[in-house]
N, C-alpha and C. Protein backbone atom coordinates (compact mmCIF):
# COMPACT_ATOMS: atom_id res chain seq x y z
N MET A 1 -4.24 11.85 -9.60
CA MET A 1 -3.28 11.52 -10.63
C MET A 1 -2.75 12.80 -11.27
N ILE A 2 -3.64 13.74 -11.55
CA ILE A 2 -3.22 15.00 -12.16
C ILE A 2 -2.37 15.79 -11.19
N LYS A 3 -2.76 15.81 -9.89
CA LYS A 3 -1.98 16.54 -8.90
C LYS A 3 -0.58 15.96 -8.81
N MET A 4 -0.45 14.64 -8.87
CA MET A 4 0.84 14.00 -8.79
C MET A 4 1.71 14.40 -9.98
N ALA A 5 1.14 14.45 -11.16
CA ALA A 5 1.88 14.86 -12.35
C ALA A 5 2.33 16.31 -12.21
N ASN A 6 1.47 17.16 -11.67
CA ASN A 6 1.83 18.57 -11.49
C ASN A 6 2.96 18.71 -10.47
N ASP A 7 2.92 17.91 -9.39
CA ASP A 7 3.98 17.94 -8.39
C ASP A 7 5.31 17.51 -9.02
N ASN A 8 5.28 16.47 -9.83
CA ASN A 8 6.50 16.00 -10.49
C ASN A 8 7.04 17.07 -11.43
N ASP A 9 6.16 17.72 -12.17
CA ASP A 9 6.59 18.78 -13.09
C ASP A 9 7.21 19.94 -12.31
N THR A 10 6.59 20.30 -11.19
CA THR A 10 7.10 21.39 -10.37
C THR A 10 8.47 21.03 -9.81
N ASN A 11 8.61 19.80 -9.31
CA ASN A 11 9.90 19.37 -8.76
C ASN A 11 10.97 19.37 -9.84
N PHE A 12 10.63 18.88 -11.02
CA PHE A 12 11.59 18.84 -12.12
C PHE A 12 12.01 20.25 -12.50
N THR A 13 11.05 21.14 -12.65
CA THR A 13 11.34 22.52 -13.05
C THR A 13 12.20 23.21 -12.00
N SER A 14 11.85 23.04 -10.73
CA SER A 14 12.63 23.66 -9.66
C SER A 14 14.06 23.14 -9.66
N GLY A 15 14.22 21.84 -9.77
CA GLY A 15 15.55 21.24 -9.80
C GLY A 15 16.35 21.71 -11.00
N PHE A 16 15.68 21.81 -12.13
CA PHE A 16 16.32 22.26 -13.36
C PHE A 16 16.86 23.68 -13.20
N ILE A 17 16.04 24.56 -12.67
CA ILE A 17 16.43 25.96 -12.50
C ILE A 17 17.54 26.09 -11.46
N ILE A 18 17.38 25.44 -10.32
CA ILE A 18 18.39 25.52 -9.27
C ILE A 18 19.72 24.95 -9.75
N GLY A 19 19.67 23.82 -10.43
CA GLY A 19 20.89 23.22 -10.97
C GLY A 19 21.59 24.13 -11.95
N GLY A 20 20.82 24.77 -12.80
CA GLY A 20 21.41 25.70 -13.77
C GLY A 20 22.08 26.88 -13.10
N ILE A 21 21.41 27.43 -12.11
CA ILE A 21 21.98 28.58 -11.39
C ILE A 21 23.25 28.18 -10.67
N LEU A 22 23.23 27.04 -9.97
CA LEU A 22 24.42 26.59 -9.26
C LEU A 22 25.57 26.30 -10.22
N GLY A 23 25.26 25.71 -11.36
CA GLY A 23 26.29 25.44 -12.35
C GLY A 23 26.91 26.72 -12.89
N LEU A 24 26.08 27.70 -13.15
CA LEU A 24 26.57 28.99 -13.66
C LEU A 24 27.45 29.67 -12.62
N VAL A 25 26.99 29.72 -11.39
CA VAL A 25 27.77 30.36 -10.32
C VAL A 25 29.08 29.61 -10.10
N GLY A 26 29.01 28.29 -10.05
CA GLY A 26 30.23 27.50 -9.87
C GLY A 26 31.22 27.72 -10.99
N GLY A 27 30.73 27.78 -12.20
CA GLY A 27 31.61 28.03 -13.33
C GLY A 27 32.30 29.38 -13.24
N LEU A 28 31.57 30.38 -12.81
CA LEU A 28 32.16 31.71 -12.70
C LEU A 28 33.16 31.80 -11.55
N VAL A 29 32.86 31.12 -10.46
CA VAL A 29 33.73 31.18 -9.29
C VAL A 29 35.03 30.42 -9.53
N PHE A 30 34.93 29.24 -10.12
CA PHE A 30 36.10 28.38 -10.25
C PHE A 30 36.86 28.56 -11.56
N ALA A 31 36.37 29.33 -12.47
CA ALA A 31 37.07 29.55 -13.73
C ALA A 31 37.00 31.04 -14.09
N PRO A 32 37.67 31.88 -13.32
CA PRO A 32 37.61 33.31 -13.59
C PRO A 32 38.21 33.64 -14.96
N ARG A 33 37.64 34.62 -15.60
CA ARG A 33 38.07 35.05 -16.93
C ARG A 33 38.12 36.58 -16.95
N PRO A 34 38.72 37.12 -17.99
CA PRO A 34 38.68 38.58 -18.13
C PRO A 34 37.24 39.08 -18.24
N GLY A 35 36.99 40.31 -17.87
CA GLY A 35 35.64 40.88 -17.84
C GLY A 35 34.88 40.74 -19.13
N GLU A 36 35.51 41.05 -20.26
CA GLU A 36 34.82 40.98 -21.54
C GLU A 36 34.40 39.55 -21.86
N GLU A 37 35.29 38.62 -21.60
CA GLU A 37 34.97 37.21 -21.86
C GLU A 37 33.85 36.73 -20.93
N THR A 38 33.91 37.14 -19.67
CA THR A 38 32.86 36.76 -18.71
C THR A 38 31.51 37.32 -19.14
N ARG A 39 31.49 38.57 -19.59
CA ARG A 39 30.23 39.16 -20.05
C ARG A 39 29.68 38.41 -21.26
N ALA A 40 30.56 38.01 -22.16
CA ALA A 40 30.13 37.25 -23.34
C ALA A 40 29.54 35.91 -22.92
N ILE A 41 30.18 35.26 -21.97
CA ILE A 41 29.69 33.97 -21.47
C ILE A 41 28.34 34.16 -20.79
N LEU A 42 28.23 35.20 -19.96
CA LEU A 42 26.97 35.46 -19.27
C LEU A 42 25.85 35.78 -20.26
N THR A 43 26.17 36.53 -21.30
CA THR A 43 25.17 36.85 -22.32
C THR A 43 24.70 35.58 -23.00
N GLU A 44 25.65 34.73 -23.37
CA GLU A 44 25.29 33.47 -24.03
C GLU A 44 24.46 32.58 -23.10
N ALA A 45 24.90 32.50 -21.83
CA ALA A 45 24.17 31.67 -20.86
C ALA A 45 22.77 32.22 -20.64
N SER A 46 22.63 33.53 -20.54
CA SER A 46 21.30 34.10 -20.31
C SER A 46 20.39 33.84 -21.51
N ASN A 47 20.95 33.90 -22.72
CA ASN A 47 20.16 33.58 -23.91
C ASN A 47 19.71 32.13 -23.90
N GLU A 48 20.62 31.23 -23.52
CA GLU A 48 20.27 29.81 -23.44
C GLU A 48 19.18 29.58 -22.39
N TRP A 49 19.32 30.22 -21.23
CA TRP A 49 18.33 30.04 -20.17
C TRP A 49 16.98 30.65 -20.56
N ARG A 50 17.03 31.75 -21.29
CA ARG A 50 15.79 32.35 -21.76
C ARG A 50 15.07 31.37 -22.69
N GLU A 51 15.82 30.73 -23.58
CA GLU A 51 15.24 29.76 -24.50
C GLU A 51 14.70 28.54 -23.74
N LYS A 52 15.46 28.07 -22.74
CA LYS A 52 15.00 26.94 -21.94
C LYS A 52 13.74 27.30 -21.15
N ALA A 53 13.70 28.52 -20.62
CA ALA A 53 12.51 28.97 -19.89
C ALA A 53 11.31 29.03 -20.82
N LYS A 54 11.54 29.49 -22.05
CA LYS A 54 10.47 29.53 -23.05
C LYS A 54 9.96 28.12 -23.33
N ASP A 55 10.89 27.18 -23.50
CA ASP A 55 10.51 25.78 -23.75
C ASP A 55 9.73 25.20 -22.57
N LEU A 56 10.20 25.48 -21.35
CA LEU A 56 9.51 24.97 -20.16
C LEU A 56 8.12 25.58 -20.03
N THR A 57 8.00 26.85 -20.37
CA THR A 57 6.69 27.51 -20.32
C THR A 57 5.74 26.87 -21.31
N GLU A 58 6.23 26.60 -22.50
CA GLU A 58 5.39 25.95 -23.52
C GLU A 58 4.99 24.55 -23.05
N PHE A 59 5.94 23.82 -22.47
CA PHE A 59 5.65 22.49 -21.94
C PHE A 59 4.58 22.57 -20.85
N ALA A 60 4.72 23.54 -19.95
CA ALA A 60 3.74 23.70 -18.87
C ALA A 60 2.36 24.04 -19.42
N LYS A 61 2.31 24.91 -20.43
CA LYS A 61 1.02 25.25 -21.05
C LYS A 61 0.36 24.00 -21.63
N GLU A 62 1.16 23.19 -22.32
CA GLU A 62 0.62 21.97 -22.92
C GLU A 62 0.08 21.03 -21.85
N ARG A 63 0.83 20.90 -20.75
CA ARG A 63 0.39 20.02 -19.65
C ARG A 63 -0.90 20.55 -19.03
N ILE A 64 -1.03 21.86 -18.88
CA ILE A 64 -2.24 22.45 -18.31
C ILE A 64 -3.42 22.18 -19.23
N ILE A 65 -3.22 22.34 -20.53
CA ILE A 65 -4.30 22.06 -21.48
C ILE A 65 -4.70 20.60 -21.41
N GLU A 66 -3.72 19.69 -21.35
CA GLU A 66 -4.02 18.27 -21.25
C GLU A 66 -4.80 17.97 -19.98
N ALA A 67 -4.36 18.54 -18.85
CA ALA A 67 -5.04 18.30 -17.58
C ALA A 67 -6.46 18.86 -17.60
N THR A 68 -6.63 20.03 -18.21
CA THR A 68 -7.96 20.63 -18.32
C THR A 68 -8.87 19.75 -19.15
N ASN A 69 -8.37 19.29 -20.28
CA ASN A 69 -9.17 18.42 -21.14
C ASN A 69 -9.53 17.11 -20.44
N GLU A 70 -8.59 16.55 -19.70
CA GLU A 70 -8.86 15.32 -18.95
C GLU A 70 -9.92 15.58 -17.89
N GLY A 71 -9.81 16.71 -17.20
CA GLY A 71 -10.82 17.07 -16.20
C GLY A 71 -12.20 17.21 -16.81
N LYS A 72 -12.26 17.81 -17.99
CA LYS A 72 -13.55 17.95 -18.68
C LYS A 72 -14.12 16.58 -19.05
N ARG A 73 -13.24 15.69 -19.53
CA ARG A 73 -13.71 14.34 -19.89
C ARG A 73 -14.25 13.60 -18.67
N VAL A 74 -13.56 13.72 -17.57
CA VAL A 74 -14.01 13.06 -16.34
C VAL A 74 -15.34 13.65 -15.89
N ALA A 75 -15.45 14.98 -15.92
CA ALA A 75 -16.70 15.63 -15.51
C ALA A 75 -17.85 15.21 -16.41
N ASP A 76 -17.61 15.14 -17.71
CA ASP A 76 -18.66 14.71 -18.65
C ASP A 76 -19.09 13.28 -18.36
N THR A 77 -18.13 12.41 -18.11
CA THR A 77 -18.45 11.01 -17.82
C THR A 77 -19.28 10.91 -16.54
N LEU A 78 -18.86 11.62 -15.51
CA LEU A 78 -19.60 11.59 -14.25
C LEU A 78 -21.01 12.16 -14.41
N ARG A 79 -21.14 13.23 -15.19
CA ARG A 79 -22.44 13.83 -15.43
C ARG A 79 -23.35 12.84 -16.16
N GLU A 80 -22.80 12.17 -17.17
CA GLU A 80 -23.59 11.18 -17.92
C GLU A 80 -24.04 10.04 -17.01
N GLU A 81 -23.12 9.56 -16.17
CA GLU A 81 -23.48 8.47 -15.25
C GLU A 81 -24.57 8.92 -14.28
N PHE A 82 -24.45 10.13 -13.78
CA PHE A 82 -25.43 10.66 -12.85
C PHE A 82 -26.80 10.79 -13.53
N GLU A 83 -26.80 11.31 -14.77
CA GLU A 83 -28.06 11.47 -15.50
C GLU A 83 -28.70 10.12 -15.80
N GLU A 84 -27.90 9.09 -16.08
CA GLU A 84 -28.43 7.75 -16.33
C GLU A 84 -29.08 7.19 -15.07
N LYS A 85 -28.48 7.46 -13.92
CA LYS A 85 -29.04 6.95 -12.66
C LYS A 85 -30.32 7.68 -12.30
N GLU A 86 -30.44 8.95 -12.70
CA GLU A 86 -31.66 9.70 -12.42
C GLU A 86 -32.84 9.15 -13.21
N ASP A 87 -32.57 8.68 -14.43
CA ASP A 87 -33.65 8.18 -15.30
C ASP A 87 -34.08 6.85 -14.82
């Protein structure tokens, strides 16, 4: 279950990044602007992507912590069951 969630997160993140890059490139190719304006747009876009990457990183950290905690809970439960069977 945890592996499946991680796969979904990876697919989402990959799609998100690829879509953003393709959108940026498409916008630059099909809507050429003067150099100064293009640089301003690229600066703004890079700042937005930096913020999105920061948000995705924070989301990934939270998911890793959740998965780790769930793994610990499962391990504790299994250990308790095993100890009960030994007694």
